Amino acid sequence: MTHIPAIGRRAALAFGAAALALPTLPARAQTIQRNARVVIGFPAGGSSDVVARLYAERLRGIYAPNLIVDGRVGAAGRIAVEHVRDAEKDGSTYLQTPASMLTLQPHVFPREVRYDALTDLIPVSTVCTFPFALAVPASHPARTFDQFVAWLRAQSGEIPFASPAAGSAPHFLGVILANTVGVRMTHVPYRGAVPAVQDLIAGRLPCFVGVLGDISPQHGTGARMLAVTSDARNPRYPDVPTFRELGHPNLSKDEWFGALLPAGTPAAVVQGLHAAIAQVARQPEMIAALDRLEFAANTSASPQAFADRIRQEREEWGPVVRASGFQPEN
C-alpha cells in the first residue's frame, strides 16, 4: 500500500493560514473555461488533501474558473487513478497522486494495477516533493549513521526496522539500506506512521524509516534522525546528513505529489496546466505553506521531464521489489 504522511495540529494551522492568503490576480488567461476537479485517492485531512486544496485555491482563475478537490478513496489510491484515466479529456479533471502510485505499485501489486502512467495518463508536473528519514530512539547508543551501521553489524540475528506500511517506499528503502550496509534486517509493517513512531520513541523498535515530517517533531527529544533521503540537508535540521553525502546515493529517493491528465487531453491544455502549476508554486505564500508541512514546492521543467522522471523511478523500483521477494497479502 502507499503511505501518505498524516498531518497534525501544525499542518492544520499551516493550512488555515495559507487559506487566508488569497492568490494574486492571474498573470495569464485561464486554460479552460469550465470548472475543474482535482481527484485524489486519500481521505480528507491528510497531506494529499491539504496539498490539493492549497493548489486548487490558487489555480482558480488561472487554470479554471473554479476547482474542487474530489476524493475517490479506496484500493490504496488506485480508484482515483482509474477514475481520472477514464475521465473526460478536456482538462476538467486531473489527478494529484503520490509517486509510489505510479512508480512503485506497478511492481508491488502487478495484478491489481490496471493503468500505466505513461500511456493511460499524461504526466504534467510534480507539485511538491518531500524526503524520508532514518530514525532511532533517543535512547539508542548510535549518535550518527556510521555508529548505527557499526551497531547493526555487531548484533546477532536479524534486526527489525519499522515502516508505515508493507509495500510502501519506506519499506523498500529499508531493504535497500540493509543490502547497502551488508546486514540482515526484518521489516515490521505498521498501519500508518503514528503507531510506528510511538513504538520507536518508547524504545520498542531500534529504527524507523518514514516520511521526514512524520518523525521530525520527535527529533532531539523522543527520537534521533540519522540521515535523510533528500539531496541537500534540511535547513531545520542542519545536524542531519543526507544519505548522498554519507556515500549512499542509492538511498536518495524522495517522494512527490504529481499532477496528471487523462491520455488524449489536448497538448494546449497540458501545457496550460503545467504553466499554471509552475506559476502557483512560485508564489511566496504557497512556498511557505508547503514548507510548514515539510514539503518543497518543486515542479517539473516540462511535462516531458516529469514523464521521464516517472519512467526512470519506475525502472529503479522494479529490481528492488523483485529482489526483496515481497508478496502482497491480497
Protein backbone atom coordinates (compact mmCIF):
# COMPACT_ATOMS: atom_id res chain seq x y z
CA MET A 1 0.00 0.00 0.00
CA THR A 2 1.01 3.64 -0.32
CA HIS A 3 1.79 5.65 2.77
CA ILE A 4 0.65 9.26 2.78
CA PRO A 5 2.01 11.22 5.72
CA ALA A 6 -0.51 12.19 8.34
CA ILE A 7 -0.82 15.80 9.38
CA GLY A 8 -1.36 17.11 12.85
CA ARG A 9 -2.03 20.43 14.55
CA ARG A 10 0.99 22.17 12.99
CA ALA A 11 -0.09 21.21 9.47
CA ALA A 12 -3.70 22.11 10.14
CA LEU A 13 -2.64 25.56 11.32
CA ALA A 14 -0.42 25.92 8.26
CA PHE A 15 -3.33 25.06 6.00
CA GLY A 16 -5.60 27.52 7.78
CA ALA A 17 -3.08 30.32 7.47
CA ALA A 18 -2.46 29.53 3.83
CA ALA A 19 -6.17 29.54 3.09
CA LEU A 20 -6.35 33.14 4.28
CA ALA A 21 -3.70 34.19 1.78
CA LEU A 22 -5.77 34.61 -1.36
CA PRO A 23 -3.99 34.16 -4.68
CA THR A 24 -2.91 37.19 -6.60
CA LEU A 25 -4.61 38.15 -9.84
CA PRO A 26 -3.78 35.67 -12.59
CA ALA A 27 -0.83 36.55 -14.76
CA ARG A 28 -2.19 34.57 -17.68
CA ALA A 29 -5.56 33.73 -19.23
CA GLN A 30 -7.47 30.72 -17.95
CA THR A 31 -6.63 27.49 -19.74
CA ILE A 32 -10.17 26.07 -19.61
CA GLN A 33 -13.46 27.88 -19.25
CA ARG A 34 -15.34 25.31 -17.16
CA ASN A 35 -14.89 24.28 -13.52
CA ALA A 36 -12.37 21.55 -12.80
CA ARG A 37 -11.86 18.74 -10.30
CA VAL A 38 -8.62 17.70 -8.62
CA VAL A 39 -9.01 13.99 -7.90
CA ILE A 40 -7.09 12.44 -5.00
CA GLY A 41 -7.16 8.88 -3.68
CA PHE A 42 -6.78 9.53 0.03
CA PRO A 43 -9.05 10.80 2.83
CA ALA A 44 -9.84 14.40 3.64
CA GLY A 45 -7.50 15.97 6.17
CA GLY A 46 -4.40 14.07 5.09
CA SER A 47 -1.44 15.68 3.40
CA SER A 48 -2.63 14.70 -0.08
CA ASP A 49 -5.91 16.51 0.55
CA VAL A 50 -4.22 19.57 2.08
CA VAL A 51 -1.79 19.99 -0.82
CA ALA A 52 -4.57 19.53 -3.38
CA ARG A 53 -6.66 22.22 -1.68
CA LEU A 54 -3.74 24.63 -1.48
CA TYR A 55 -3.25 24.31 -5.24
CA ALA A 56 -6.97 24.29 -6.06
CA GLU A 57 -7.47 27.63 -4.33
CA ARG A 58 -4.61 29.27 -6.17
CA LEU A 59 -5.32 27.74 -9.57
CA ARG A 60 -8.75 29.36 -9.50
CA GLY A 61 -8.90 31.98 -12.25
CA ILE A 62 -5.52 30.84 -13.59
CA TYR A 63 -6.27 27.34 -14.84
CA ALA A 64 -10.07 27.18 -14.47
CA PRO A 65 -12.85 29.40 -13.09
CA ASN A 66 -13.11 27.18 -10.02
CA LEU A 67 -11.55 23.94 -8.79
CA ILE A 68 -12.77 21.48 -6.19
CA VAL A 69 -10.98 18.56 -4.58
CA ASP A 70 -12.71 15.25 -5.27
CA GLY A 71 -11.69 12.36 -3.01
CA ARG A 72 -12.01 8.94 -4.63
CA VAL A 73 -10.76 6.81 -1.75
CA GLY A 74 -10.14 3.08 -1.99
CA ALA A 75 -7.79 0.34 -3.20
CA ALA A 76 -4.78 2.16 -1.73
CA GLY A 77 -5.34 5.09 -4.10
CA ARG A 78 -5.85 3.11 -7.29
CA ILE A 79 -9.53 4.01 -7.64
CA ALA A 80 -8.61 7.67 -8.06
CA VAL A 81 -6.06 6.89 -10.77
CA GLU A 82 -8.54 4.74 -12.68
CA HIS A 83 -11.23 7.40 -12.35
CA VAL A 84 -9.02 10.03 -13.99
CA ARG A 85 -7.86 7.55 -16.61
CA ASP A 86 -11.49 7.24 -17.71
CA ALA A 87 -12.45 10.92 -17.26
CA GLU A 88 -13.27 13.45 -19.98
CA LYS A 89 -10.23 14.55 -21.94
CA ASP A 90 -10.94 18.25 -21.79
CA GLY A 91 -8.82 19.26 -18.79
CA SER A 92 -11.76 19.43 -16.39
CA THR A 93 -10.40 16.51 -14.31
CA TYR A 94 -6.83 15.99 -13.26
CA LEU A 95 -5.18 13.63 -10.82
CA GLN A 96 -2.93 14.53 -7.91
CA THR A 97 -1.17 11.42 -6.70
CA PRO A 98 1.93 10.38 -4.77
CA ALA A 99 4.84 8.99 -6.74
CA SER A 100 4.53 5.44 -5.46
CA MET A 101 1.11 5.00 -7.09
CA LEU A 102 2.82 5.28 -10.47
CA THR A 103 6.38 4.11 -9.87
CA LEU A 104 6.24 1.52 -7.09
CA GLN A 105 2.76 -0.01 -7.03
CA PRO A 106 3.03 -1.47 -10.55
CA HIS A 107 5.74 -3.75 -9.12
CA VAL A 108 4.18 -4.30 -5.69
CA PHE A 109 0.65 -5.04 -6.94
CA PRO A 110 1.14 -6.13 -10.56
CA ARG A 111 -2.25 -7.87 -10.73
CA GLU A 112 -4.21 -5.03 -9.15
CA VAL A 113 -2.69 -2.08 -11.02
CA ARG A 114 -4.71 -1.58 -14.20
CA TYR A 115 -3.14 1.61 -15.50
CA ASP A 116 0.09 2.84 -16.98
CA ALA A 117 1.12 6.37 -16.06
CA LEU A 118 2.80 6.92 -19.40
CA THR A 119 0.10 5.56 -21.73
CA ASP A 120 -3.22 5.92 -19.86
CA LEU A 121 -2.34 9.32 -18.40
CA ILE A 122 -0.35 12.39 -19.37
CA PRO A 123 2.19 13.48 -16.75
CA VAL A 124 2.04 17.26 -16.28
CA SER A 125 4.29 18.19 -13.34
CA THR A 126 5.24 17.44 -9.81
CA VAL A 127 3.55 19.84 -7.38
CA CYS A 128 5.80 19.23 -4.36
CA THR A 129 8.44 16.88 -3.02
CA PHE A 130 9.24 15.56 0.44
CA PRO A 131 12.02 13.33 1.82
CA PHE A 132 12.19 10.27 4.01
CA ALA A 133 14.34 9.83 7.09
CA LEU A 134 16.02 7.06 9.08
CA ALA A 135 15.48 7.48 12.82
CA VAL A 136 16.35 5.65 16.03
CA PRO A 137 15.05 6.11 19.57
CA ALA A 138 16.68 8.91 21.57
CA SER A 139 17.96 6.21 23.92
CA HIS A 140 19.81 4.37 21.13
CA PRO A 141 23.62 4.26 21.59
CA ALA A 142 24.25 5.31 17.98
CA ARG A 143 24.59 9.06 17.59
CA THR A 144 25.50 9.01 13.89
CA PHE A 145 24.68 6.90 10.85
CA ASP A 146 28.14 5.29 10.85
CA GLN A 147 27.74 4.38 14.50
CA PHE A 148 24.36 2.88 13.72
CA VAL A 149 25.84 0.75 10.94
CA ALA A 150 28.56 -0.44 13.33
CA TRP A 151 25.87 -1.27 15.88
CA LEU A 152 23.89 -3.21 13.27
CA ARG A 153 26.92 -5.26 12.31
CA ALA A 154 27.65 -6.09 15.93
CA GLN A 155 24.21 -7.58 16.54
CA SER A 156 23.40 -11.28 16.25
CA GLY A 157 20.37 -12.25 14.21
CA GLU A 158 18.15 -10.04 12.09
CA ILE A 159 17.38 -6.52 13.28
CA PRO A 160 13.80 -5.25 12.92
CA PHE A 161 13.06 -1.98 11.19
CA ALA A 162 9.65 -0.33 11.00
CA SER A 163 7.85 1.46 8.19
CA PRO A 164 4.34 2.92 7.92
CA ALA A 165 3.10 0.13 5.63
CA ALA A 166 4.06 -3.05 3.84
CA GLY A 167 4.86 -2.40 0.20
CA SER A 168 5.48 1.31 0.78
CA ALA A 169 8.51 3.30 -0.33
CA PRO A 170 9.91 3.42 3.25
CA HIS A 171 9.60 -0.38 3.39
CA PHE A 172 11.82 -0.81 0.34
CA LEU A 173 14.19 1.96 1.40
CA GLY A 174 14.81 -0.16 4.49
CA VAL A 175 15.53 -3.13 2.22
CA ILE A 176 17.99 -1.04 0.20
CA LEU A 177 19.63 0.17 3.41
CA ALA A 178 20.14 -3.37 4.71
CA ASN A 179 21.62 -4.53 1.39
CA THR A 180 23.82 -1.45 1.12
CA VAL A 181 25.48 -1.85 4.51
CA GLY A 182 25.52 -5.65 4.37
CA VAL A 183 23.27 -6.59 7.28
CA ARG A 184 20.11 -8.65 7.70
CA MET A 185 17.03 -6.69 8.75
CA THR A 186 13.42 -7.75 9.19
CA HIS A 187 10.64 -5.45 8.08
CA VAL A 188 7.93 -4.67 10.65
CA PRO A 189 4.98 -3.04 8.85
CA TYR A 190 2.61 -0.74 10.71
CA ARG A 191 -0.75 0.75 9.81
CA GLY A 192 0.49 4.28 9.43
CA ALA A 193 3.35 6.28 10.85
CA VAL A 194 1.78 7.29 14.18
CA PRO A 195 1.87 3.87 15.90
CA ALA A 196 5.32 3.15 14.49
CA VAL A 197 6.72 6.42 15.81
CA GLN A 198 5.08 5.77 19.19
CA ASP A 199 6.81 2.40 19.45
CA LEU A 200 10.08 3.93 18.30
CA ILE A 201 10.18 6.64 20.94
CA ALA A 202 9.14 4.05 23.57
CA GLY A 203 12.22 2.04 22.65
CA ARG A 204 10.30 -0.96 21.36
CA LEU A 205 11.90 -0.57 17.92
CA PRO A 206 15.55 0.01 17.07
CA CYS A 207 14.85 2.06 13.92
CA PHE A 208 12.18 3.54 11.67
CA VAL A 209 12.15 4.59 8.03
CA GLY A 210 9.41 7.04 7.08
CA VAL A 211 8.43 10.47 5.83
CA LEU A 212 10.59 13.15 7.45
CA GLY A 213 7.56 15.17 8.52
CA ASP A 214 6.21 12.18 10.46
CA ILE A 215 9.32 11.79 12.62
CA SER A 216 10.83 15.29 12.69
CA PRO A 217 8.65 16.58 15.58
CA GLN A 218 10.36 13.97 17.77
CA HIS A 219 13.90 14.76 16.62
CA GLY A 220 16.06 15.69 19.57
CA THR A 221 13.52 14.53 22.14
CA GLY A 222 11.99 11.09 21.69
CA ALA A 223 13.92 10.14 18.57
CA ARG A 224 17.03 10.95 16.60
CA MET A 225 17.14 11.25 12.82
CA LEU A 226 20.40 9.86 11.47
CA ALA A 227 20.02 10.57 7.74
CA VAL A 228 17.56 11.94 5.18
CA THR A 229 16.94 10.95 1.57
CA SER A 230 16.92 14.50 0.14
CA ASP A 231 19.80 15.76 -1.99
CA ALA A 232 20.53 18.59 0.44
CA ARG A 233 20.28 18.93 4.21
CA ASN A 234 17.06 20.32 5.61
CA PRO A 235 17.69 23.83 7.00
CA ARG A 236 15.52 22.99 10.01
CA TYR A 237 17.73 20.02 10.88
CA PRO A 238 21.25 21.01 9.80
CA ASP A 239 22.73 18.31 12.02
CA VAL A 240 21.13 15.52 9.97
CA PRO A 241 23.23 14.48 6.94
CA THR A 242 21.90 13.20 3.65
CA PHE A 243 22.46 9.63 2.53
CA ARG A 244 24.15 11.03 -0.56
CA GLU A 245 26.83 12.84 1.43
CA LEU A 246 27.27 9.70 3.52
CA GLY A 247 28.22 7.87 0.33
CA HIS A 248 24.90 6.14 -0.36
CA PRO A 249 23.27 7.91 -3.33
CA ASN A 250 21.08 4.85 -3.97
CA LEU A 251 19.11 5.90 -0.88
CA SER A 252 18.33 9.36 -2.28
CA LYS A 253 14.70 8.71 -3.20
CA ASP A 254 12.31 11.50 -2.30
CA GLU A 255 8.55 11.17 -2.66
CA TRP A 256 6.46 13.63 -4.66
CA PHE A 257 2.89 14.52 -5.41
CA GLY A 258 2.28 14.98 -9.11
CA ALA A 259 -0.46 16.16 -11.46
CA LEU A 260 -1.60 14.06 -14.43
CA LEU A 261 -4.36 14.36 -17.03
CA PRO A 262 -6.20 11.63 -18.98
CA ALA A 263 -4.45 10.42 -22.11
CA GLY A 264 -5.81 12.23 -25.12
CA THR A 265 -6.10 15.62 -23.43
CA PRO A 266 -5.10 18.34 -25.94
CA ALA A 267 -1.48 19.47 -25.74
CA ALA A 268 -2.53 23.09 -25.18
CA VAL A 269 -4.42 22.07 -22.04
CA VAL A 270 -1.47 20.01 -20.79
CA GLN A 271 0.86 22.94 -21.28
CA GLY A 272 -1.66 25.29 -19.71
CA LEU A 273 -1.94 23.21 -16.53
CA HIS A 274 1.83 22.90 -16.36
CA ALA A 275 2.28 26.66 -16.66
CA ALA A 276 -0.44 27.33 -14.08
CA ILE A 277 1.09 24.92 -11.54
CA ALA A 278 4.50 26.47 -12.06
CA GLN A 279 3.06 29.95 -11.53
CA VAL A 280 1.32 28.94 -8.29
CA ALA A 281 4.39 27.08 -6.99
CA ARG A 282 6.40 30.31 -7.27
CA GLN A 283 4.03 32.27 -5.04
CA PRO A 284 5.78 33.06 -1.72
CA GLU A 285 2.72 32.12 0.35
CA MET A 286 2.50 28.76 -1.42
CA ILE A 287 6.17 28.07 -0.81
CA ALA A 288 5.72 28.95 2.86
CA ALA A 289 2.56 26.85 3.26
CA LEU A 290 4.25 23.77 1.81
CA ASP A 291 7.40 24.40 3.84
CA ARG A 292 5.36 24.31 7.04
CA LEU A 293 4.28 20.81 6.01
CA GLU A 294 7.97 19.85 5.49
CA PHE A 295 7.28 19.79 1.73
CA ALA A 296 9.10 21.70 -1.01
CA ALA A 297 7.30 23.46 -3.89
CA ASN A 298 9.26 21.71 -6.62
CA THR A 299 7.79 21.45 -10.11
CA SER A 300 8.94 19.72 -13.29
CA ALA A 301 10.67 21.71 -16.01
CA SER A 302 8.20 20.34 -18.55
CA PRO A 303 5.60 17.58 -18.92
CA GLN A 304 8.21 15.53 -20.77
CA ALA A 305 10.67 15.94 -17.91
CA PHE A 306 8.02 14.69 -15.49
CA ALA A 307 7.28 11.70 -17.73
CA ASP A 308 10.98 10.90 -17.87
CA ARG A 309 11.17 11.03 -14.09
CA ILE A 310 8.26 8.63 -13.71
CA ARG A 311 9.81 6.23 -16.21
CA GLN A 312 13.21 6.32 -14.50
CA GLU A 313 11.87 5.85 -10.99
CA ARG A 314 9.56 3.04 -12.09
CA GLU A 315 12.51 1.24 -13.64
CA GLU A 316 14.61 1.74 -10.50
CA TRP A 317 12.00 0.27 -8.16
CA GLY A 318 11.47 -2.92 -10.18
CA PRO A 319 14.70 -4.74 -9.27
CA VAL A 320 14.40 -3.65 -5.63
CA VAL A 321 10.92 -5.12 -5.24
CA ARG A 322 11.82 -8.33 -7.07
CA ALA A 323 14.99 -8.86 -5.05
CA SER A 324 13.08 -8.36 -1.80
CA GLY A 325 10.78 -11.29 -2.52
CA PHE A 326 7.81 -9.21 -1.40
CA GLN A 327 4.39 -10.79 -1.91
CA PRO A 328 1.22 -8.75 -1.30
CA GLU A 329 -1.23 -10.25 1.15
CA ASN A 330 -4.09 -9.88 -1.27
